[in-house]
Amino acid sequence: MKLRILVADDNEAFRNGLIRLLNAQADCRVVCEAANGREAVEQAVLHQPDIAILDYSMPELDSLSGASKILQAVPRVELLILTQHDAPYTVQRALNSGVRGFVVKSDASQDLLAALAVLRQHKVFLSSTIAHALSAKPV
């Protein structure tokens, strides 16, 4: 069964490239897209995706507020943040809000498809940059 995916990013060129990449995968189908957080919530409610990929910084409703609203409306959805932000605090805030996947855009070419496979199993995925940074922190 194909993963039904929502892609939300305010950068139209990036969003379109991501949609092309995902639709080229045999097991993925982008069912809706959004250019801001408010649209992401509306589209998630309307299309009930399996996975919602959200840019961290979006206009009209930030991704973490949007993630919370999406989870309220579609409790079975898995949320993945795709962002340029890689600060541990940002990652922790996302995970605390119910996000299960966090991929830094610079890692997307190597980590995004792996993240989708892990989220499909309802497990947590952190991109290479984040996992490395967290494992290198002194305890």
C-alpha atoms as a PDB file:
ATOM      1  CA  MET A   1       0.000   0.000   0.000  1.00  0.00           C
ATOM      2  CA  LYS A   2       1.320   3.441  -0.930  1.00  0.00           C
ATOM      3  CA  LEU A   3       2.054   5.971   1.782  1.00  0.00           C
ATOM      4  CA  ARG A   4      -0.296   8.940   1.455  1.00  0.00           C
ATOM      5  CA  ILE A   5       1.772  12.064   2.095  1.00  0.00           C
ATOM      6  CA  LEU A   6       1.118  15.742   2.796  1.00  0.00           C
ATOM      7  CA  VAL A   7       3.987  18.104   1.892  1.00  0.00           C
ATOM      8  CA  ALA A   8       3.958  21.542   3.540  1.00  0.00           C
ATOM      9  CA  ASP A   9       6.689  24.068   2.791  1.00  0.00           C
ATOM     10  CA  ASP A  10       6.426  27.779   2.026  1.00  0.00           C
ATOM     11  CA  ASN A  11       9.239  27.550  -0.560  1.00  0.00           C
ATOM     12  CA  GLU A  12       7.361  26.603  -3.726  1.00  0.00           C
ATOM     13  CA  ALA A  13      10.428  25.403  -5.652  1.00  0.00           C
ATOM     14  CA  PHE A  14      11.546  23.166  -2.780  1.00  0.00           C
ATOM     15  CA  ARG A  15       8.001  21.879  -2.237  1.00  0.00           C
ATOM     16  CA  ASN A  16       7.585  21.025  -5.932  1.00  0.00           C
ATOM     17  CA  GLY A  17      10.950  19.236  -6.031  1.00  0.00           C
ATOM     18  CA  LEU A  18      10.051  17.241  -2.946  1.00  0.00           C
ATOM     19  CA  ILE A  19       6.695  16.283  -4.438  1.00  0.00           C
ATOM     20  CA  ARG A  20       8.397  15.076  -7.640  1.00  0.00           C
ATOM     21  CA  LEU A  21      10.897  13.036  -5.629  1.00  0.00           C
ATOM     22  CA  LEU A  22       8.213  11.422  -3.500  1.00  0.00           C
ATOM     23  CA  ASN A  23       5.839  10.691  -6.362  1.00  0.00           C
ATOM     24  CA  ALA A  24       8.698   8.963  -8.198  1.00  0.00           C
ATOM     25  CA  GLN A  25       8.882   6.387  -5.378  1.00  0.00           C
ATOM     26  CA  ALA A  26       6.858   3.236  -5.940  1.00  0.00           C
ATOM     27  CA  ASP A  27       5.482   3.235  -2.400  1.00  0.00           C
ATOM     28  CA  CYS A  28       4.644   6.946  -2.018  1.00  0.00           C
ATOM     29  CA  ARG A  29       1.909   9.256  -3.257  1.00  0.00           C
ATOM     30  CA  VAL A  30       1.635  12.925  -2.365  1.00  0.00           C
ATOM     31  CA  VAL A  31      -2.090  13.464  -1.819  1.00  0.00           C
ATOM     32  CA  CYS A  32      -1.938  17.153  -0.893  1.00  0.00           C
ATOM     33  CA  GLU A  33       0.360  20.099  -0.396  1.00  0.00           C
ATOM     34  CA  ALA A  34       0.379  23.352   1.535  1.00  0.00           C
ATOM     35  CA  ALA A  35       2.310  26.621   1.449  1.00  0.00           C
ATOM     36  CA  ASN A  36       1.685  27.576   5.094  1.00  0.00           C
ATOM     37  CA  GLY A  37       0.768  26.049   8.431  1.00  0.00           C
ATOM     38  CA  ARG A  38      -2.928  26.879   8.240  1.00  0.00           C
ATOM     39  CA  GLU A  39      -3.227  25.196   4.829  1.00  0.00           C
ATOM     40  CA  ALA A  40      -1.305  22.182   6.158  1.00  0.00           C
ATOM     41  CA  VAL A  41      -3.910  21.656   8.878  1.00  0.00           C
ATOM     42  CA  GLU A  42      -6.795  22.118   6.424  1.00  0.00           C
ATOM     43  CA  GLN A  43      -5.271  19.705   3.903  1.00  0.00           C
ATOM     44  CA  ALA A  44      -4.499  17.108   6.579  1.00  0.00           C
ATOM     45  CA  VAL A  45      -8.089  17.178   7.808  1.00  0.00           C
ATOM     46  CA  LEU A  46      -9.434  16.923   4.265  1.00  0.00           C
ATOM     47  CA  HIS A  47      -7.072  14.218   2.904  1.00  0.00           C
ATOM     48  CA  GLN A  48      -6.141  12.220   6.047  1.00  0.00           C
ATOM     49  CA  PRO A  49      -2.503  11.463   5.036  1.00  0.00           C
ATOM     50  CA  ASP A  50      -0.398   8.711   6.582  1.00  0.00           C
ATOM     51  CA  ILE A  51       2.578  11.070   6.898  1.00  0.00           C
ATOM     52  CA  ALA A  52       2.734  14.865   6.998  1.00  0.00           C
ATOM     53  CA  ILE A  53       6.075  16.439   6.071  1.00  0.00           C
ATOM     54  CA  LEU A  54       6.223  19.951   7.530  1.00  0.00           C
ATOM     55  CA  ASP A  55       8.797  22.681   7.150  1.00  0.00           C
ATOM     56  CA  TYR A  56       9.719  23.956  10.620  1.00  0.00           C
ATOM     57  CA  SER A  57       9.332  27.659   9.784  1.00  0.00           C
ATOM     58  CA  MET A  58       6.092  28.395   7.961  1.00  0.00           C
ATOM     59  CA  PRO A  59       3.889  31.465   7.765  1.00  0.00           C
ATOM     60  CA  GLU A  60       0.386  31.770   9.255  1.00  0.00           C
ATOM     61  CA  LEU A  61       0.855  28.928  11.742  1.00  0.00           C
ATOM     62  CA  ASP A  62       4.216  27.586  12.893  1.00  0.00           C
ATOM     63  CA  SER A  63       4.894  23.905  12.324  1.00  0.00           C
ATOM     64  CA  LEU A  64       4.663  22.837  15.966  1.00  0.00           C
ATOM     65  CA  SER A  65       1.277  24.495  16.455  1.00  0.00           C
ATOM     66  CA  GLY A  66       0.224  23.017  13.128  1.00  0.00           C
ATOM     67  CA  ALA A  67       1.531  19.595  14.171  1.00  0.00           C
ATOM     68  CA  SER A  68      -0.571  19.716  17.319  1.00  0.00           C
ATOM     69  CA  LYS A  69      -3.701  20.644  15.374  1.00  0.00           C
ATOM     70  CA  ILE A  70      -3.026  17.961  12.753  1.00  0.00           C
ATOM     71  CA  LEU A  71      -2.595  15.298  15.450  1.00  0.00           C
ATOM     72  CA  GLN A  72      -5.864  16.357  17.083  1.00  0.00           C
ATOM     73  CA  ALA A  73      -7.722  16.006  13.784  1.00  0.00           C
ATOM     74  CA  VAL A  74      -5.833  12.994  12.381  1.00  0.00           C
ATOM     75  CA  PRO A  75      -4.463  11.027  15.368  1.00  0.00           C
ATOM     76  CA  ARG A  76      -2.977   8.223  13.241  1.00  0.00           C
ATOM     77  CA  VAL A  77      -0.809  10.561  11.120  1.00  0.00           C
ATOM     78  CA  GLU A  78       2.966  10.437  11.509  1.00  0.00           C
ATOM     79  CA  LEU A  79       4.643  13.855  11.488  1.00  0.00           C
ATOM     80  CA  LEU A  80       8.055  14.627  10.043  1.00  0.00           C
ATOM     81  CA  ILE A  81       9.780  17.994  10.280  1.00  0.00           C
ATOM     82  CA  LEU A  82      12.025  18.806   7.311  1.00  0.00           C
ATOM     83  CA  THR A  83      14.049  21.910   8.121  1.00  0.00           C
ATOM     84  CA  GLN A  84      17.307  23.816   8.056  1.00  0.00           C
ATOM     85  CA  HIS A  85      17.223  24.115  11.863  1.00  0.00           C
ATOM     86  CA  ASP A  86      19.307  21.529  13.697  1.00  0.00           C
ATOM     87  CA  ALA A  87      19.583  22.873  17.248  1.00  0.00           C
ATOM     88  CA  PRO A  88      18.954  20.155  19.862  1.00  0.00           C
ATOM     89  CA  TYR A  89      16.381  22.404  21.549  1.00  0.00           C
ATOM     90  CA  THR A  90      14.418  22.637  18.283  1.00  0.00           C
ATOM     91  CA  VAL A  91      14.530  18.864  17.852  1.00  0.00           C
ATOM     92  CA  GLN A  92      13.373  18.284  21.429  1.00  0.00           C
ATOM     93  CA  ARG A  93      10.494  20.753  21.075  1.00  0.00           C
ATOM     94  CA  ALA A  94       9.384  18.960  17.908  1.00  0.00           C
ATOM     95  CA  LEU A  95       9.535  15.519  19.533  1.00  0.00           C
ATOM     96  CA  ASN A  96       7.654  16.812  22.574  1.00  0.00           C
ATOM     97  CA  SER A  97       4.874  18.067  20.282  1.00  0.00           C
ATOM     98  CA  GLY A  98       4.268  14.611  18.805  1.00  0.00           C
ATOM     99  CA  VAL A  99       6.593  14.779  15.816  1.00  0.00           C
ATOM    100  CA  ARG A 100       8.274  11.407  15.175  1.00  0.00           C
ATOM    101  CA  GLY A 101      10.680  12.354  12.394  1.00  0.00           C
ATOM    102  CA  PHE A 102      13.174  15.195  12.152  1.00  0.00           C
ATOM    103  CA  VAL A 103      15.280  15.588   9.006  1.00  0.00           C
ATOM    104  CA  VAL A 104      17.658  18.455   8.327  1.00  0.00           C
ATOM    105  CA  LYS A 105      17.257  19.613   4.708  1.00  0.00           C
ATOM    106  CA  SER A 106      20.977  19.175   4.046  1.00  0.00           C
ATOM    107  CA  ASP A 107      20.535  15.469   4.954  1.00  0.00           C
ATOM    108  CA  ALA A 108      17.348  14.979   2.929  1.00  0.00           C
ATOM    109  CA  SER A 109      18.996  13.292  -0.055  1.00  0.00           C
ATOM    110  CA  GLN A 110      20.393  10.538   2.173  1.00  0.00           C
ATOM    111  CA  ASP A 111      17.819  10.437   4.993  1.00  0.00           C
ATOM    112  CA  LEU A 112      14.344  11.370   3.792  1.00  0.00           C
ATOM    113  CA  LEU A 113      13.326   8.041   2.259  1.00  0.00           C
ATOM    114  CA  ALA A 114      14.808   6.174   5.219  1.00  0.00           C
ATOM    115  CA  ALA A 115      12.800   8.429   7.536  1.00  0.00           C
ATOM    116  CA  LEU A 116       9.579   7.572   5.709  1.00  0.00           C
ATOM    117  CA  ALA A 117      10.303   3.851   6.040  1.00  0.00           C
ATOM    118  CA  VAL A 118      10.906   4.224   9.785  1.00  0.00           C
ATOM    119  CA  LEU A 119       7.818   6.391  10.300  1.00  0.00           C
ATOM    120  CA  ARG A 120       5.767   3.817   8.416  1.00  0.00           C
ATOM    121  CA  GLN A 121       6.683   1.471  11.301  1.00  0.00           C
ATOM    122  CA  HIS A 122       5.579   4.143  13.824  1.00  0.00           C
ATOM    123  CA  LYS A 123       9.113   4.636  15.137  1.00  0.00           C
ATOM    124  CA  VAL A 124      11.198   7.776  15.664  1.00  0.00           C
ATOM    125  CA  PHE A 125      13.744   8.908  13.050  1.00  0.00           C
ATOM    126  CA  LEU A 126      16.413  11.605  13.441  1.00  0.00           C
ATOM    127  CA  SER A 127      18.541  12.634  10.486  1.00  0.00           C
ATOM    128  CA  SER A 128      22.257  11.883  10.418  1.00  0.00           C
ATOM    129  CA  THR A 129      23.274  15.387  11.488  1.00  0.00           C
ATOM    130  CA  ILE A 130      20.952  15.354  14.499  1.00  0.00           C
ATOM    131  CA  ALA A 131      21.796  11.803  15.585  1.00  0.00           C
ATOM    132  CA  HIS A 132      25.513  12.582  15.335  1.00  0.00           C
ATOM    133  CA  ALA A 133      25.176  15.840  17.296  1.00  0.00           C
ATOM    134  CA  LEU A 134      23.153  14.176  20.050  1.00  0.00           C
ATOM    135  CA  SER A 135      25.555  11.228  20.375  1.00  0.00           C
ATOM    136  CA  ALA A 136      28.553  13.591  20.542  1.00  0.00           C
ATOM    137  CA  LYS A 137      27.118  15.626  23.433  1.00  0.00           C
ATOM    138  CA  PRO A 138      28.889  15.006  26.732  1.00  0.00           C
ATOM    139  CA  VAL A 139      26.708  13.381  29.377  1.00  0.00           C
END
